[in-house]
Amino acid sequence: MRRPLCPLQGHDFITRSADDCSLVTSTPIGEDGDEEVVLLDTLSGFDFEKTVGRILERLGVGKVERVLFTQDEGRDILIRSPQGLIVVECKHQPNTSIGRPIVQKLHSAVISSNAIKGMLVTTGHFTEEAIEYAKKLGAQGTTIEMIDRPILADMASRARIRLRSKGEALTVWTFSIPTESETRKMVGSFLASHVEIHPRSPIDLMGNCERSLAYRPMYAVRYSVDATFQTSVGIIHREQVSNRTIMFDGNNGQLAKDDVVTFFEPEPQVRFTRTHDDFKGVLPTFKVDSTSLQRTAKATITKLHTKRVTYSGKNNVSYAKMCEPGERDIVIEDIRQLYLPMASLDFTLGSYPYKMVGVQGPSGRLLPTSHDVLNCRACNQPIQGQGLLCDTCGKVTHSGGLRLKKIHGFKCGICGRTTCKFDGHWRRRFVVWRQLLCPSCKEKSDTLGIATQRLILT
């Protein structure tokens, strides 16, 4: 038998039965890419209150005026709506019955606060007596909205938040894979910013570009911190950040580098449904479970935002205090699993082969994690700064040098063409001055009867 709960604003019809906890609504949920995930089993009571406040704010119920952490007297959250004050009582008690005494406590808080109504939110369920008592109060003019787990899940979905319990799989996200032509453009753009070439561009010199894909399991965690530290002299430090993202390796739980996070945040994500055709092999699994990851994330966040603060006391003596955010100061707003597509690229520049591994984004960005582009083909040493790409053969070398024997790459003294020592020549000018030449200008000098020499023989 279906039994209706108290009406909830914004829903057309909500029913529940013992064996059917489905929700019937008329408003579509948010876009997939904007959905957040909250792990209910890992939330403390304080975290749950903050999550409820965030859901209600997003639904336009009102502005959270205060989240209380002390003797709340039935008032965990106070919300200021256009119509007046709303008192919210939160009970994060899965598989627990919420009875009439809790409703009575909330009713007293609504009356004493001169509020327009109350909301009782639980991850458990209500007893029949509690529901009937809320109806009776409603008939007497005091509205108490009863929000259990299924209704809260529906409200959260409207706020683009997914409530997940232990045993439920997270949605896995990924990036859409660019086409091969777009991949070539990405590599060309990367080369253009790291090597100098004239007169052609790197992509003009690029031959075949073969791509294979691998997937790297990652977790992305978005959080906020709001911590205030004070002593007898007053407030000495505030640590406040919002919508900050950190990422972890899904295999070992290690914190990812900042450049991976910077790359990840602006890229549009899609649900992972299948591997790309360029992927060969076995899809890796997440070896770190989401509950363990959340504990790791909180410990990491605490460490990242712990600061040593120096301040002066009332006696003008300097003191030092470690300001470490507490459990109540940190809110995990979203946690998601992600398969980061790693592209392994084998390509040629002229006649010379190169390798690159990196993350590709659908927006056209490329984040190389390893490559051999900036290894000098003349001395086999890494190049610091910008390299020089030979417009003739495609070798990347160091640029310049004061003595002929030290030159690995140069710009032709006549036409400016970038040339490596293996293709370079020189000719003497004005007895002591030697002019470096590309192959084309060397041939022109030969036709004019001007003697030239191979640079690599010097």
Protein backbone atom coordinates (compact mmCIF):
# COMPACT_ATOMS: atom_id res chain seq x y z
CA MET A 1 0.00 0.00 0.00
CA ARG A 2 1.30 3.45 -0.93
CA ARG A 3 1.19 6.15 1.71
CA PRO A 4 1.79 9.82 0.88
CA LEU A 5 4.30 11.89 2.80
CA CYS A 6 3.76 15.54 3.65
CA PRO A 7 3.74 17.74 0.54
CA LEU A 8 7.12 19.19 -0.46
CA GLN A 9 7.33 22.41 -2.43
CA GLY A 10 8.65 21.98 -5.97
CA HIS A 11 7.43 18.38 -6.35
CA ASP A 12 4.27 17.45 -8.22
CA PHE A 13 3.79 14.09 -6.61
CA ILE A 14 5.91 12.00 -4.28
CA THR A 15 4.89 8.61 -2.98
CA ARG A 16 6.63 5.80 -1.22
CA SER A 17 5.84 2.21 -0.45
CA ALA A 18 7.76 -0.35 1.54
CA ASP A 19 9.04 -2.08 -1.59
CA ASP A 20 9.13 0.90 -3.96
CA CYS A 21 11.20 3.97 -3.18
CA SER A 22 10.92 5.49 -6.66
CA LEU A 23 10.25 9.19 -7.05
CA VAL A 24 7.90 10.78 -9.55
CA THR A 25 8.81 14.36 -10.45
CA SER A 26 8.17 16.78 -13.27
CA THR A 27 11.43 18.74 -13.30
CA PRO A 28 14.47 17.19 -15.04
CA ILE A 29 17.69 16.75 -13.12
CA GLY A 30 20.84 18.71 -13.92
CA GLU A 31 23.23 18.08 -16.78
CA ASP A 32 25.40 15.00 -16.35
CA GLY A 33 28.70 16.85 -16.58
CA ASP A 34 27.74 19.14 -13.67
CA GLU A 35 26.70 16.36 -11.29
CA GLU A 36 28.53 16.17 -7.98
CA VAL A 37 28.87 13.05 -5.86
CA VAL A 38 28.57 12.97 -2.06
CA LEU A 39 29.46 9.77 -0.19
CA LEU A 40 26.86 9.55 2.58
CA ASP A 41 28.60 6.79 4.54
CA THR A 42 31.68 8.94 5.08
CA LEU A 43 29.84 12.07 6.23
CA SER A 44 29.90 13.18 9.83
CA GLY A 45 26.79 14.82 11.23
CA PHE A 46 28.35 18.23 10.60
CA ASP A 47 29.22 17.31 6.98
CA PHE A 48 25.66 16.15 6.44
CA GLU A 49 24.24 19.43 7.73
CA LYS A 50 26.48 21.39 5.35
CA THR A 51 25.46 19.15 2.44
CA VAL A 52 21.76 19.68 3.21
CA GLY A 53 22.35 23.42 3.38
CA ARG A 54 24.06 23.37 0.00
CA ILE A 55 21.19 21.41 -1.56
CA LEU A 56 18.55 23.78 -0.23
CA GLU A 57 20.49 26.85 -1.38
CA ARG A 58 20.87 25.45 -4.90
CA LEU A 59 17.16 24.71 -5.06
CA GLY A 60 16.44 28.34 -4.26
CA VAL A 61 14.82 27.64 -0.89
CA GLY A 62 16.80 30.48 0.64
CA LYS A 63 20.18 31.58 1.96
CA VAL A 64 21.78 29.49 4.70
CA GLU A 65 22.13 31.95 7.52
CA ARG A 66 23.75 29.70 10.04
CA VAL A 67 24.85 26.10 10.52
CA LEU A 68 24.94 25.35 14.22
CA PHE A 69 27.46 22.95 15.77
CA THR A 70 26.53 23.27 19.45
CA GLN A 71 23.34 22.82 21.47
CA ASP A 72 21.05 23.40 18.52
CA GLU A 73 17.74 22.75 20.31
CA GLY A 74 16.24 21.32 17.14
CA ARG A 75 17.83 23.95 14.88
CA ASP A 76 20.75 22.51 12.90
CA ILE A 77 20.34 24.97 10.02
CA LEU A 78 18.65 28.36 9.77
CA ILE A 79 17.61 29.46 6.28
CA ARG A 80 16.50 32.95 5.38
CA SER A 81 13.94 32.74 2.56
CA PRO A 82 12.03 35.59 0.90
CA GLN A 83 8.99 34.53 2.94
CA GLY A 84 10.82 34.32 6.27
CA LEU A 85 12.98 32.10 8.45
CA ILE A 86 13.03 28.31 7.97
CA VAL A 87 14.35 25.98 10.68
CA VAL A 88 15.98 22.74 9.49
CA GLU A 89 16.74 19.75 11.70
CA CYS A 90 19.11 17.11 10.21
CA LYS A 91 19.39 13.48 11.28
CA HIS A 92 22.11 11.53 9.47
CA GLN A 93 21.01 8.12 10.74
CA PRO A 94 20.70 5.53 7.93
CA ASN A 95 18.44 2.57 8.66
CA THR A 96 17.05 4.34 11.73
CA SER A 97 13.47 5.32 12.50
CA ILE A 98 12.82 8.97 13.31
CA GLY A 99 9.90 9.21 15.69
CA ARG A 100 7.43 11.77 17.02
CA PRO A 101 9.75 13.27 19.72
CA ILE A 102 12.08 14.68 17.04
CA VAL A 103 9.12 16.30 15.25
CA GLN A 104 7.98 17.80 18.55
CA LYS A 105 11.45 19.21 19.16
CA LEU A 106 11.51 20.81 15.70
CA HIS A 107 8.01 22.20 16.23
CA SER A 108 9.17 23.94 19.42
CA ALA A 109 12.17 25.39 17.55
CA VAL A 110 9.91 26.75 14.78
CA ILE A 111 7.66 28.47 17.34
CA SER A 112 10.53 29.89 19.44
CA SER A 113 12.37 31.14 16.33
CA ASN A 114 9.22 32.75 14.92
CA ALA A 115 9.90 30.78 11.72
CA ILE A 116 7.45 30.23 8.87
CA LYS A 117 8.03 26.46 8.83
CA GLY A 118 10.38 23.62 9.68
CA MET A 119 12.13 20.90 7.70
CA LEU A 120 13.12 17.54 9.13
CA VAL A 121 15.75 15.83 6.95
CA THR A 122 16.99 12.30 7.52
CA THR A 123 18.89 9.55 5.74
CA GLY A 124 16.72 7.11 7.64
CA HIS A 125 12.92 6.87 7.63
CA PHE A 126 9.99 8.22 9.63
CA THR A 127 7.66 6.26 11.85
CA GLU A 128 3.94 6.30 11.10
CA GLU A 129 3.37 8.23 14.32
CA ALA A 130 5.86 10.96 13.28
CA ILE A 131 4.20 11.40 9.88
CA GLU A 132 0.72 11.61 11.38
CA TYR A 133 1.89 14.14 13.96
CA ALA A 134 3.45 16.33 11.22
CA LYS A 135 0.13 16.24 9.34
CA LYS A 136 -1.71 17.27 12.50
CA LEU A 137 0.65 20.22 12.99
CA GLY A 138 0.10 21.21 9.38
CA ALA A 139 -3.65 21.26 9.88
CA GLN A 140 -3.10 23.55 12.89
CA GLY A 141 -1.06 26.00 10.81
CA THR A 142 2.56 24.90 11.44
CA THR A 143 4.19 23.30 8.41
CA ILE A 144 6.78 20.61 9.05
CA GLU A 145 8.21 19.17 5.80
CA MET A 146 9.30 15.57 6.24
CA ILE A 147 12.25 14.69 3.98
CA ASP A 148 13.54 11.13 4.10
CA ARG A 149 16.32 9.49 2.05
CA PRO A 150 14.39 8.99 -1.23
CA ILE A 151 13.02 12.54 -1.20
CA LEU A 152 16.42 13.95 -0.26
CA ALA A 153 18.00 12.01 -3.14
CA ASP A 154 15.49 13.55 -5.53
CA MET A 155 16.10 17.04 -4.19
CA ALA A 156 19.86 16.48 -4.47
CA SER A 157 19.52 15.37 -8.09
CA ARG A 158 17.70 18.62 -8.86
CA ALA A 159 20.63 20.42 -7.25
CA ARG A 160 22.98 18.35 -9.44
CA ILE A 161 24.28 16.36 -6.49
CA ARG A 162 24.23 12.58 -6.36
CA LEU A 163 23.98 10.95 -2.94
CA ARG A 164 25.83 7.66 -2.88
CA SER A 165 25.86 4.95 -0.22
CA LYS A 166 28.23 2.08 0.39
CA GLY A 167 27.97 -0.58 -2.31
CA GLU A 168 26.74 1.79 -5.00
CA ALA A 169 29.14 2.27 -7.88
CA LEU A 170 30.33 5.75 -8.76
CA THR A 171 29.74 7.05 -12.24
CA VAL A 172 33.06 7.01 -14.09
CA TRP A 173 33.92 10.00 -16.28
CA THR A 174 36.42 10.59 -19.05
CA PHE A 175 37.31 12.98 -21.87
CA SER A 176 36.08 12.49 -25.40
CA ILE A 177 38.98 11.57 -27.70
CA PRO A 178 39.95 14.07 -30.41
CA THR A 179 40.32 12.92 -34.01
CA GLU A 180 43.73 12.11 -35.49
CA SER A 181 43.78 15.39 -37.42
CA GLU A 182 43.08 17.29 -34.19
CA THR A 183 45.86 15.31 -32.51
CA ARG A 184 48.29 16.46 -35.20
CA LYS A 185 47.26 20.06 -34.56
CA MET A 186 47.80 19.59 -30.80
CA VAL A 187 51.30 18.22 -31.35
CA GLY A 188 52.03 21.01 -33.84
CA SER A 189 50.95 23.65 -31.33
CA PHE A 190 53.11 22.11 -28.62
CA LEU A 191 56.14 22.02 -30.93
CA ALA A 192 55.58 25.61 -32.04
CA SER A 193 55.88 26.78 -28.44
CA HIS A 194 59.00 24.72 -27.66
CA VAL A 195 61.16 24.82 -30.80
CA GLU A 196 62.18 27.47 -33.31
CA ILE A 197 61.87 26.73 -37.02
CA HIS A 198 62.02 28.83 -40.21
CA PRO A 199 60.59 29.17 -42.79
CA ARG A 200 58.12 26.29 -42.29
CA SER A 201 56.08 25.41 -39.21
CA PRO A 202 56.49 22.17 -37.21
CA ILE A 203 53.23 20.74 -38.53
CA ASP A 204 54.48 21.27 -42.11
CA LEU A 205 57.45 19.05 -41.28
CA MET A 206 55.37 16.41 -39.50
CA GLY A 207 54.93 13.08 -41.24
CA ASN A 208 52.99 10.10 -39.89
CA CYS A 209 51.55 10.40 -36.38
CA GLU A 210 50.46 7.05 -34.92
CA ARG A 211 48.41 7.06 -31.72
CA SER A 212 47.63 4.40 -29.14
CA LEU A 213 45.58 5.01 -25.99
CA ALA A 214 45.76 3.91 -22.38
CA TYR A 215 43.44 4.85 -19.52
CA ARG A 216 44.74 6.05 -16.16
CA PRO A 217 42.30 5.68 -13.23
CA MET A 218 42.06 8.92 -11.23
CA TYR A 219 39.92 10.50 -8.53
CA ALA A 220 39.00 14.19 -8.67
CA VAL A 221 37.97 15.73 -5.33
CA ARG A 222 36.44 19.18 -5.03
CA TYR A 223 36.36 20.74 -1.58
CA SER A 224 36.04 23.90 0.49
CA VAL A 225 37.74 24.98 3.70
CA ASP A 226 36.45 27.60 6.13
CA ALA A 227 38.53 27.74 9.31
CA THR A 228 39.08 30.56 11.79
CA PHE A 229 41.81 30.45 14.42
CA GLN A 230 41.87 32.71 17.44
CA THR A 231 43.68 33.14 20.75
CA SER A 232 43.29 35.50 23.68
CA VAL A 233 44.40 38.37 21.41
CA GLY A 234 41.64 37.66 18.89
CA ILE A 235 41.62 36.14 15.40
CA ILE A 236 45.14 35.34 14.21
CA HIS A 237 44.40 33.49 10.95
CA ARG A 238 41.61 32.59 8.55
CA GLU A 239 41.93 29.76 6.05
CA GLN A 240 39.20 30.01 3.43
CA VAL A 241 39.10 28.35 0.01
CA SER A 242 36.15 27.29 -2.10
CA ASN A 243 35.71 25.01 -5.10
CA ARG A 244 39.32 23.83 -4.94
CA THR A 245 40.17 20.60 -6.79
CA ILE A 246 42.84 18.01 -6.07
CA MET A 247 43.36 14.69 -7.85
CA PHE A 248 44.63 11.29 -6.77
CA ASP A 249 45.91 8.23 -8.58
CA GLY A 250 43.24 5.53 -8.52
CA ASN A 251 45.86 2.79 -8.21
CA ASN A 252 47.86 3.95 -5.21
CA GLY A 253 46.10 7.05 -3.84
CA GLN A 254 49.05 9.35 -4.49
CA LEU A 255 48.39 13.04 -4.95
CA ALA A 256 48.56 14.13 -8.60
CA LYS A 257 50.73 17.02 -9.75
CA ASP A 258 49.24 20.48 -9.98
CA ASP A 259 49.59 20.64 -13.79
CA VAL A 260 47.28 17.61 -14.13
CA VAL A 261 44.64 19.39 -12.03
CA THR A 262 45.07 22.63 -14.00
CA PHE A 263 44.59 20.67 -17.22
CA PHE A 264 41.60 18.71 -15.92
CA GLU A 265 39.41 21.47 -14.50
CA PRO A 266 38.33 23.36 -17.68
CA GLU A 267 37.94 20.27 -19.88
CA PRO A 268 34.38 19.02 -20.55
CA GLN A 269 33.80 15.48 -19.32
CA VAL A 270 31.49 12.71 -20.49
CA ARG A 271 30.34 9.49 -18.91
CA PHE A 272 32.66 6.58 -19.61
CA THR A 273 30.70 3.93 -21.53
CA ARG A 274 33.35 2.09 -23.56
CA THR A 275 36.98 2.25 -24.58
CA HIS A 276 38.11 4.04 -27.73
CA ASP A 277 39.10 2.08 -30.84
CA ASP A 278 42.73 3.18 -30.34
CA PHE A 279 42.84 1.44 -26.97
CA LYS A 280 44.33 -2.04 -26.87
CA GLY A 281 44.63 -4.21 -23.80
CA VAL A 282 42.81 -4.60 -20.48
CA LEU A 283 41.08 -1.64 -18.85
CA PRO A 284 42.74 -0.93 -15.46
CA THR A 285 40.63 -1.08 -12.32
CA PHE A 286 40.46 1.34 -9.41
CA LYS A 287 42.49 -0.29 -6.63
CA VAL A 288 41.66 2.44 -4.10
CA ASP A 289 38.01 2.40 -3.03
CA SER A 290 36.11 5.68 -2.79
CA THR A 291 35.65 5.51 0.99
CA SER A 292 39.38 5.08 1.61
CA LEU A 293 40.08 7.78 -0.94
CA GLN A 294 37.85 10.24 0.90
CA ARG A 295 39.76 9.64 4.13
CA THR A 296 43.01 10.17 2.24
CA ALA A 297 41.61 13.34 0.67
CA LYS A 298 40.64 14.85 4.03
CA ALA A 299 44.06 14.08 5.48
CA THR A 300 45.70 15.65 2.43
CA ILE A 301 43.50 18.73 2.56
CA THR A 302 44.28 19.17 6.25
CA LYS A 303 48.01 19.01 5.50
CA LEU A 304 47.77 21.39 2.53
CA HIS A 305 45.97 24.04 4.57
CA THR A 306 47.86 23.76 7.84
CA LYS A 307 49.86 26.95 8.36
CA ARG A 308 52.37 28.08 10.98
CA VAL A 309 51.28 31.55 12.07
CA THR A 310 53.34 34.03 14.07
CA TYR A 311 51.52 36.65 16.12
CA SER A 312 52.18 39.11 18.96
CA GLY A 313 50.61 38.59 22.37
CA LYS A 314 49.26 41.25 24.68
CA ASN A 315 52.70 41.45 26.29
CA ASN A 316 54.29 42.16 22.88
CA VAL A 317 55.95 38.74 22.92
CA SER A 318 55.92 36.83 19.62
CA TYR A 319 54.24 33.44 19.55
CA ALA A 320 53.91 30.75 16.91
CA LYS A 321 50.87 28.53 16.43
CA MET A 322 50.14 25.71 13.99
CA CYS A 323 46.72 26.43 12.53
CA GLU A 324 45.30 23.09 11.40
CA PRO A 325 41.76 22.90 9.97
CA GLY A 326 39.50 20.54 11.86
CA GLU A 327 36.95 18.01 10.69
CA ARG A 328 34.17 20.59 10.74
CA ASP A 329 36.16 23.07 8.67
CA ILE A 330 36.50 20.84 5.59
CA VAL A 331 33.66 19.98 3.22
CA ILE A 332 34.12 17.43 0.42
CA GLU A 333 31.72 18.80 -2.18
CA ASP A 334 32.30 16.32 -4.98
CA ILE A 335 34.26 13.14 -5.58
CA ARG A 336 34.36 11.42 -8.93
CA GLN A 337 36.18 8.62 -10.65
CA LEU A 338 37.82 9.46 -13.94
CA TYR A 339 39.57 7.50 -16.66
CA LEU A 340 42.20 9.92 -17.88
CA PRO A 341 42.97 9.07 -21.55
CA MET A 342 46.74 8.89 -22.08
CA ALA A 343 47.83 9.13 -25.71
CA SER A 344 51.11 7.55 -26.80
CA LEU A 345 52.21 9.29 -30.01
CA ASP A 346 54.87 8.18 -32.48
CA PHE A 347 55.51 10.79 -35.16
CA THR A 348 58.20 12.02 -37.49
CA LEU A 349 59.58 15.47 -38.19
CA GLY A 350 61.21 15.31 -41.59
CA SER A 351 63.05 12.00 -41.50
CA TYR A 352 63.56 11.87 -37.76
CA PRO A 353 61.30 9.91 -35.31
CA TYR A 354 59.94 11.24 -32.01
CA LYS A 355 57.82 9.91 -29.13
CA MET A 356 55.38 11.67 -26.81
CA VAL A 357 52.97 10.54 -24.07
CA GLY A 358 50.37 12.91 -22.74
CA VAL A 359 46.78 13.69 -21.82
CA GLN A 360 44.53 14.93 -24.60
CA GLY A 361 41.54 17.16 -23.97
CA PRO A 362 38.54 17.60 -26.27
CA SER A 363 39.10 21.36 -26.24
CA GLY A 364 42.30 20.94 -28.24
CA ARG A 365 44.78 21.08 -25.35
CA LEU A 366 47.63 18.64 -24.82
CA LEU A 367 49.54 17.98 -21.60
CA PRO A 368 52.67 15.93 -22.34
CA THR A 369 53.84 13.83 -19.40
CA SER A 370 56.94 12.61 -21.22
CA HIS A 371 58.56 13.20 -24.61
CA ASP A 372 61.95 13.18 -26.33
CA VAL A 373 61.47 16.34 -28.37
CA LEU A 374 63.86 18.44 -26.29
CA ASN A 375 66.74 15.96 -26.33
CA CYS A 376 69.47 17.46 -28.51
CA ARG A 377 70.17 15.21 -31.51
CA ALA A 378 73.73 16.53 -31.67
CA CYS A 379 74.92 15.91 -28.09
CA ASN A 380 72.10 13.74 -26.69
CA GLN A 381 71.68 16.12 -23.75
CA PRO A 382 68.42 17.77 -22.59
CA ILE A 383 67.68 21.23 -23.94
CA GLN A 384 66.88 23.92 -21.41
CA GLY A 385 64.46 26.42 -22.89
CA GLN A 386 63.66 26.53 -26.60
CA GLY A 387 65.26 24.15 -29.07
CA LEU A 388 65.99 24.62 -32.76
CA LEU A 389 64.23 22.42 -35.33
CA CYS A 390 66.16 21.76 -38.51
CA ASP A 391 64.00 22.71 -41.47
CA THR A 392 65.90 20.22 -43.63
CA CYS A 393 66.01 16.91 -41.76
CA GLY A 394 63.79 17.44 -38.66
CA LYS A 395 66.43 17.08 -35.93
CA VAL A 396 65.97 19.19 -32.79
CA THR A 397 69.22 20.61 -31.38
CA HIS A 398 70.61 23.29 -29.13
CA SER A 399 70.65 26.68 -30.80
CA GLY A 400 73.73 28.83 -31.39
CA GLY A 401 77.30 28.68 -30.11
CA LEU A 402 80.37 30.90 -30.32
CA ARG A 403 82.75 28.42 -31.98
CA LEU A 404 82.04 26.25 -35.00
CA LYS A 405 82.82 23.08 -33.07
CA LYS A 406 80.29 24.03 -30.39
CA ILE A 407 77.42 24.79 -32.78
CA HIS A 408 74.61 22.21 -32.83
CA GLY A 409 72.02 24.25 -34.71
CA PHE A 410 71.80 27.72 -36.23
CA LYS A 411 69.87 30.07 -38.46
CA CYS A 412 71.28 30.49 -41.95
CA GLY A 413 73.23 33.74 -42.24
CA ILE A 414 71.62 34.50 -45.61
CA CYS A 415 67.97 33.32 -45.52
CA GLY A 416 67.43 32.57 -41.81
CA ARG A 417 66.51 28.92 -42.38
CA THR A 418 66.92 26.83 -39.21
CA THR A 419 69.58 24.18 -39.80
CA CYS A 420 71.35 21.53 -37.71
CA LYS A 421 75.10 20.96 -37.79
CA PHE A 422 74.63 17.76 -39.80
CA ASP A 423 73.15 19.68 -42.74
CA GLY A 424 75.04 22.94 -42.21
CA HIS A 425 77.91 24.53 -44.09
CA TRP A 426 80.00 27.63 -43.67
CA ARG A 427 81.97 30.01 -45.84
CA ARG A 428 84.61 32.54 -44.99
CA ARG A 429 83.78 36.24 -45.20
CA PHE A 430 86.23 39.10 -44.78
CA VAL A 431 89.12 36.79 -43.76
CA VAL A 432 88.09 36.28 -40.11
CA TRP A 433 84.32 36.09 -40.31
CA ARG A 434 82.61 32.76 -41.03
CA GLN A 435 79.04 32.74 -42.33
CA LEU A 436 76.79 29.74 -41.57
CA LEU A 437 74.73 28.38 -44.47
CA CYS A 438 71.74 26.11 -44.98
CA PRO A 439 71.90 23.53 -47.82
CA SER A 440 70.03 25.80 -50.29
CA CYS A 441 72.28 28.81 -49.72
CA LYS A 442 75.33 26.53 -49.88
CA GLU A 443 74.30 25.45 -53.38
CA LYS A 444 73.85 29.07 -54.43
CA SER A 445 77.33 29.88 -53.11
CA ASP A 446 78.76 26.96 -55.08
CA THR A 447 77.24 28.28 -58.31
CA LEU A 448 78.89 31.66 -57.61
CA GLY A 449 82.24 29.94 -57.11
CA ILE A 450 82.42 30.71 -53.39
CA ALA A 451 84.13 27.92 -51.45
CA THR A 452 82.13 26.30 -48.61
CA GLN A 453 82.82 23.57 -46.07
CA ARG A 454 80.68 21.08 -44.21
CA LEU A 455 80.08 22.22 -40.63
CA ILE A 456 80.25 18.72 -39.17
CA LEU A 457 83.85 18.33 -40.35
CA THR A 458 85.06 21.25 -38.27
